[in-house]
Amino acid sequence: MTETPHQPAVSTAGWMEIAPRIWVRRNEAYAVNTGLVIGDERALLIDTGAGPVMAEEIHAAARQLTDLPLSAVNTHAHFDHYFGNTLMLARGVEDIWGTAGCAASILENGEDHRPQAADTEPEMASAMGEHTAITGPTKLVENAPVDLDLGGISVTLFHLGRGHTDHDLLVGAGDVLFTGDLVEQGADPQFEDSFPKEWIRTLGKVTALEDLYTVFVPGHGKPVTVDFVSTQMNKMRTAVAVTRSAMDQASVDMTKAIPILPYGPEQSRALLTRLRTLAKWKWLKR
């Protein structure tokens, strides 16, 4: 199975051109990806980084490729994907798109996310210094996809269902789909805020788009093909089935399922904890 599609050998300022007008930059911290789509009239950044330091690097790198007006997108409300919003707006980015759920999550949880940036962005973590305010999207994707005409290339912003979070936003441009953390390459999926059963269904919807998209850019790691997405979906289906079976056997210590799950101990435990939490919520709503 091929995980990484062919990439043109074009690299500038840390950007790799993966299709005409479409670039990806793998930031050193967290291996988090930022996308850049350059039209004739405007350009679009996908995810703004973990704080003002990373965001400044991303913005400066983008300006080495284009001086066009910039907009941005947050794929979801985890700190390494949106803590750079304030710096981007200060540098002239005109608007930042996200789902309504993303905006609500940032408003509710943003301050609690600060400690997660401590290793790479201590000023962001402590709320000290310039451009460390927490800012959410300024334009919302709500009940329908949004098409952005950049001039010569259009970008579609759309939500296919809950998965890594309840508000994951996909960004399609040309034959490239930026998936945020719905797809993860080089590490296990992160389950802490997830909806695992629905994540499987959402990944199924992503794979069904293979006639439109041939390159899938995960939130972290290298670009992949639809085969990689299918493999992640099937592995998650197996993991959820094993975990739910353990949960159904009330007389069995559920943590005994961890060694046989197809993930490392940390995310196996996170999956177990999340499924148990969701089951409790469902029971309480009866």
Protein backbone atom coordinates (compact mmCIF):
# COMPACT_ATOMS: atom_id res chain seq x y z
CA MET A 1 0.00 0.00 0.00
CA THR A 2 1.29 3.42 -0.93
CA GLU A 3 0.86 5.98 1.84
CA THR A 4 2.36 9.03 0.19
CA PRO A 5 1.25 10.15 -3.30
CA HIS A 6 3.68 11.50 -5.85
CA GLN A 7 4.79 15.02 -5.01
CA PRO A 8 6.34 17.47 -7.47
CA ALA A 9 9.90 18.25 -6.44
CA VAL A 10 9.21 21.88 -5.71
CA SER A 11 10.03 23.23 -2.24
CA THR A 12 10.24 26.87 -1.16
CA ALA A 13 10.52 28.34 2.36
CA GLY A 14 9.50 25.02 3.84
CA TRP A 15 6.51 24.66 1.51
CA MET A 16 6.07 21.61 -0.72
CA GLU A 17 3.95 22.09 -3.82
CA ILE A 18 1.67 19.02 -3.94
CA ALA A 19 -0.50 20.18 -6.85
CA PRO A 20 -0.66 23.28 -9.03
CA ARG A 21 -1.27 26.32 -6.77
CA ILE A 22 -1.50 24.10 -3.65
CA TRP A 23 1.22 23.89 -1.02
CA VAL A 24 1.74 22.27 2.36
CA ARG A 25 4.19 23.17 5.11
CA ARG A 26 5.02 20.67 7.83
CA ASN A 27 5.87 22.73 10.90
CA GLU A 28 8.53 21.31 13.16
CA ALA A 29 6.52 21.60 16.36
CA TYR A 30 3.93 18.83 16.64
CA ALA A 31 4.50 17.92 12.95
CA VAL A 32 1.37 20.00 12.34
CA ASN A 33 0.60 20.89 8.74
CA THR A 34 -0.36 24.24 7.29
CA GLY A 35 -1.82 24.46 3.80
CA LEU A 36 -1.64 27.30 1.31
CA VAL A 37 -3.77 27.70 -1.81
CA ILE A 38 -2.77 30.55 -4.14
CA GLY A 39 -5.23 31.94 -6.66
CA ASP A 40 -4.92 34.82 -9.09
CA GLU A 41 -6.62 37.26 -6.71
CA ARG A 42 -6.36 35.81 -3.19
CA ALA A 43 -4.62 33.14 -1.17
CA LEU A 44 -5.87 30.91 1.65
CA LEU A 45 -3.96 29.49 4.64
CA ILE A 46 -5.22 26.30 6.25
CA ASP A 47 -4.54 26.28 10.02
CA THR A 48 -2.58 28.99 11.79
CA GLY A 49 -0.33 27.13 14.22
CA ALA A 50 0.21 26.79 17.96
CA GLY A 51 0.84 30.42 18.86
CA PRO A 52 2.34 33.69 17.64
CA VAL A 53 5.86 32.32 17.16
CA MET A 54 4.75 29.56 14.82
CA ALA A 55 2.18 31.81 13.17
CA GLU A 56 4.85 34.43 12.44
CA GLU A 57 6.97 31.76 10.75
CA ILE A 58 4.01 30.54 8.72
CA HIS A 59 3.03 34.05 7.66
CA ALA A 60 6.57 34.98 6.68
CA ALA A 61 6.92 31.76 4.69
CA ALA A 62 3.61 32.42 2.92
CA ARG A 63 4.79 35.90 1.99
CA GLN A 64 7.78 34.36 0.25
CA LEU A 65 5.33 32.70 -2.14
CA THR A 66 2.66 35.37 -2.55
CA ASP A 67 1.83 38.98 -1.73
CA LEU A 68 -1.89 38.51 -2.46
CA PRO A 69 -4.55 39.23 0.17
CA LEU A 70 -4.75 36.36 2.64
CA SER A 71 -7.60 34.56 4.35
CA ALA A 72 -7.28 31.57 6.67
CA VAL A 73 -9.17 28.49 7.89
CA ASN A 74 -9.22 26.65 11.22
CA THR A 75 -9.95 22.96 10.62
CA HIS A 76 -10.88 22.48 14.29
CA ALA A 77 -10.49 23.94 17.76
CA HIS A 78 -7.33 22.28 19.04
CA PHE A 79 -4.61 24.68 20.11
CA ASP A 80 -2.00 23.76 17.49
CA HIS A 81 -4.46 24.61 14.71
CA TYR A 82 -5.83 27.96 15.90
CA PHE A 83 -3.59 29.62 18.51
CA GLY A 84 -1.97 31.60 15.68
CA ASN A 85 -5.21 33.40 14.77
CA THR A 86 -4.48 36.62 16.64
CA LEU A 87 -1.06 37.05 15.06
CA MET A 88 -2.47 36.34 11.59
CA LEU A 89 -5.12 39.02 11.96
CA ALA A 90 -2.48 41.46 13.20
CA ARG A 91 -0.43 40.73 10.07
CA GLY A 92 -3.32 41.60 7.79
CA VAL A 93 -5.08 38.28 7.24
CA GLU A 94 -8.56 39.51 6.36
CA ASP A 95 -10.75 36.74 7.74
CA ILE A 96 -10.55 33.31 9.34
CA TRP A 97 -13.10 30.63 8.52
CA GLY A 98 -14.26 27.85 10.82
CA THR A 99 -17.40 25.95 11.67
CA ALA A 100 -19.87 27.39 14.15
CA GLY A 101 -18.94 24.49 16.43
CA CYS A 102 -15.27 25.42 16.20
CA ALA A 103 -16.04 29.00 17.20
CA ALA A 104 -18.18 27.83 20.13
CA SER A 105 -15.49 25.42 21.33
CA ILE A 106 -12.79 28.10 21.24
CA LEU A 107 -15.00 30.48 23.19
CA GLU A 108 -15.75 27.83 25.80
CA ASN A 109 -12.42 26.02 26.05
CA GLY A 110 -9.71 28.31 24.65
CA GLU A 111 -8.30 29.47 27.98
CA ASP A 112 -8.14 25.86 29.20
CA HIS A 113 -6.08 24.97 26.12
CA ARG A 114 -3.26 27.39 26.97
CA PRO A 115 -1.10 24.97 29.04
CA GLN A 116 -0.86 22.61 26.04
CA ALA A 117 1.33 25.18 24.25
CA ALA A 118 3.83 25.53 27.12
CA ASP A 119 6.64 23.50 25.53
CA THR A 120 6.86 25.56 22.34
CA GLU A 121 4.99 28.81 23.03
CA PRO A 122 5.46 29.70 26.73
CA GLU A 123 4.14 33.23 26.28
CA MET A 124 0.96 31.88 24.70
CA ALA A 125 0.61 29.41 27.55
CA SER A 126 0.94 32.16 30.15
CA ALA A 127 -1.10 34.75 28.23
CA MET A 128 1.87 37.12 28.38
CA GLY A 129 3.23 39.00 25.39
CA GLU A 130 1.98 40.29 22.07
CA HIS A 131 -0.68 38.48 20.05
CA THR A 132 -1.41 35.93 22.77
CA ALA A 133 -5.13 36.66 23.01
CA ILE A 134 -7.33 33.74 21.99
CA THR A 135 -9.31 34.49 18.86
CA GLY A 136 -11.83 32.30 17.08
CA PRO A 137 -12.95 32.29 13.46
CA THR A 138 -14.35 35.54 12.10
CA LYS A 139 -16.50 33.85 9.42
CA LEU A 140 -18.57 30.72 9.93
CA VAL A 141 -19.37 27.62 7.95
CA GLU A 142 -22.74 26.53 9.27
CA ASN A 143 -25.33 24.37 7.54
CA ALA A 144 -23.95 24.20 4.00
CA PRO A 145 -20.57 24.08 2.25
CA VAL A 146 -18.89 27.38 1.45
CA ASP A 147 -17.13 27.94 -1.87
CA LEU A 148 -14.32 30.51 -1.94
CA ASP A 149 -13.23 31.80 -5.34
CA LEU A 150 -9.55 32.71 -5.13
CA GLY A 151 -9.32 33.51 -8.83
CA GLY A 152 -8.41 30.64 -11.13
CA ILE A 153 -8.98 28.10 -8.35
CA SER A 154 -11.84 27.62 -5.92
CA VAL A 155 -11.81 26.12 -2.44
CA THR A 156 -14.70 24.31 -0.78
CA LEU A 157 -15.12 24.29 3.00
CA PHE A 158 -17.42 21.56 4.30
CA HIS A 159 -18.31 19.41 7.30
CA LEU A 160 -19.12 15.70 6.82
CA GLY A 161 -19.92 14.71 10.39
CA ARG A 162 -18.45 14.27 13.84
CA GLY A 163 -15.15 12.47 14.24
CA HIS A 164 -11.94 13.80 15.78
CA THR A 165 -14.16 16.57 17.20
CA ASP A 166 -17.81 17.52 16.71
CA HIS A 167 -16.89 20.26 14.22
CA ASP A 168 -14.14 19.02 11.87
CA LEU A 169 -13.87 21.14 8.72
CA LEU A 170 -12.53 19.75 5.45
CA VAL A 171 -10.93 21.98 2.82
CA GLY A 172 -10.96 20.86 -0.81
CA ALA A 173 -8.93 22.54 -3.56
CA GLY A 174 -8.19 21.03 -6.95
CA ASP A 175 -7.62 17.32 -6.36
CA VAL A 176 -6.31 17.91 -2.81
CA LEU A 177 -8.36 17.51 0.39
CA PHE A 178 -7.05 18.97 3.66
CA THR A 179 -8.61 16.75 6.33
CA GLY A 180 -7.45 18.31 9.59
CA ASP A 181 -7.01 15.66 12.27
CA LEU A 182 -9.73 13.40 10.87
CA VAL A 183 -6.70 11.74 9.26
CA GLU A 184 -3.41 11.30 11.12
CA GLN A 185 -0.17 10.05 9.56
CA GLY A 186 2.84 8.97 11.57
CA ALA A 187 0.98 8.74 14.89
CA ASP A 188 -2.19 7.27 16.34
CA PRO A 189 -5.48 9.17 15.98
CA GLN A 190 -6.25 11.37 18.98
CA PHE A 191 -9.46 10.29 20.73
CA GLU A 192 -9.78 12.68 23.68
CA ASP A 193 -12.56 14.86 22.17
CA SER A 194 -13.68 12.36 19.59
CA PHE A 195 -16.84 10.52 18.59
CA PRO A 196 -15.27 7.20 17.54
CA LYS A 197 -18.28 5.41 16.01
CA GLU A 198 -19.20 8.53 14.02
CA TRP A 199 -15.55 9.07 13.11
CA ILE A 200 -15.61 5.74 11.29
CA ARG A 201 -18.67 6.82 9.30
CA THR A 202 -17.12 10.20 8.52
CA LEU A 203 -13.96 8.55 7.24
CA GLY A 204 -16.19 6.42 5.03
CA LYS A 205 -17.62 9.60 3.55
CA VAL A 206 -14.08 10.91 3.01
CA THR A 207 -13.06 7.77 1.12
CA ALA A 208 -16.17 8.13 -1.05
CA LEU A 209 -14.69 11.38 -2.36
CA GLU A 210 -11.83 9.57 -4.12
CA ASP A 211 -13.23 10.52 -7.53
CA LEU A 212 -12.77 14.19 -6.57
CA TYR A 213 -9.56 14.06 -4.53
CA THR A 214 -6.39 12.01 -4.98
CA VAL A 215 -4.20 13.67 -2.32
CA PHE A 216 -5.32 13.80 1.32
CA VAL A 217 -3.37 16.10 3.64
CA PRO A 218 -3.67 15.07 7.31
CA GLY A 219 -3.47 17.50 10.18
CA HIS A 220 -0.10 15.97 11.09
CA GLY A 221 2.34 14.00 8.97
CA LYS A 222 2.78 13.40 5.26
CA PRO A 223 0.15 13.64 2.52
CA VAL A 224 -1.48 10.27 1.83
CA THR A 225 -3.71 8.46 -0.64
CA VAL A 226 -7.27 7.23 -0.16
CA ASP A 227 -5.86 3.76 0.64
CA PHE A 228 -4.28 5.16 3.78
CA VAL A 229 -7.59 6.75 4.82
CA SER A 230 -9.38 3.42 4.27
CA THR A 231 -6.79 1.62 6.38
CA GLN A 232 -7.20 4.12 9.22
CA MET A 233 -10.98 3.68 9.02
CA ASN A 234 -10.80 -0.12 9.16
CA LYS A 235 -8.28 -0.11 12.01
CA MET A 236 -10.55 2.23 13.97
CA ARG A 237 -13.56 0.02 13.28
CA THR A 238 -11.69 -2.96 14.73
CA ALA A 239 -10.51 -0.98 17.75
CA VAL A 240 -14.00 0.32 18.54
CA ALA A 241 -15.52 -3.17 18.19
CA VAL A 242 -12.95 -4.69 20.56
CA THR A 243 -13.38 -1.90 23.10
CA ARG A 244 -17.18 -2.02 23.03
CA SER A 245 -17.09 -5.78 23.44
CA ALA A 246 -14.95 -5.35 26.56
CA MET A 247 -17.37 -2.72 27.85
CA ASP A 248 -20.32 -5.06 27.33
CA GLN A 249 -18.68 -7.70 29.52
CA ALA A 250 -19.31 -6.02 32.83
CA SER A 251 -17.46 -8.69 34.78
CA VAL A 252 -14.25 -8.06 32.86
CA ASP A 253 -11.73 -5.30 33.64
CA MET A 254 -12.07 -3.14 30.53
CA THR A 255 -8.43 -2.08 30.65
CA LYS A 256 -7.55 -5.65 29.68
CA ALA A 257 -8.60 -4.68 26.15
CA ILE A 258 -5.76 -2.13 25.88
CA PRO A 259 -2.93 -4.55 24.93
CA ILE A 260 -4.93 -6.01 22.03
CA LEU A 261 -6.01 -2.70 20.50
CA PRO A 262 -4.15 -1.61 17.33
CA TYR A 263 -2.84 1.58 18.95
CA GLY A 264 -0.23 2.49 21.52
CA PRO A 265 -1.14 2.38 25.23
CA GLU A 266 -1.87 6.11 25.54
CA GLN A 267 -4.41 6.35 22.74
CA SER A 268 -5.84 2.90 23.48
CA ARG A 269 -6.61 4.15 26.96
CA ALA A 270 -7.97 7.42 25.52
CA LEU A 271 -10.29 5.47 23.21
CA LEU A 272 -11.54 3.34 26.10
CA THR A 273 -12.11 6.41 28.28
CA ARG A 274 -13.91 8.28 25.51
CA LEU A 275 -16.25 5.41 24.64
CA ARG A 276 -17.05 4.94 28.32
CA THR A 277 -17.79 8.68 28.68
CA LEU A 278 -20.03 8.72 25.61
CA ALA A 279 -21.89 5.63 26.85
CA LYS A 280 -22.49 7.36 30.20
CA TRP A 281 -23.82 10.48 28.42
CA LYS A 282 -26.18 8.32 26.39
CA TRP A 283 -27.44 6.56 29.52
CA LEU A 284 -27.99 9.86 31.36
CA LYS A 285 -30.08 11.21 28.46
CA ARG A 286 -32.54 8.33 28.64
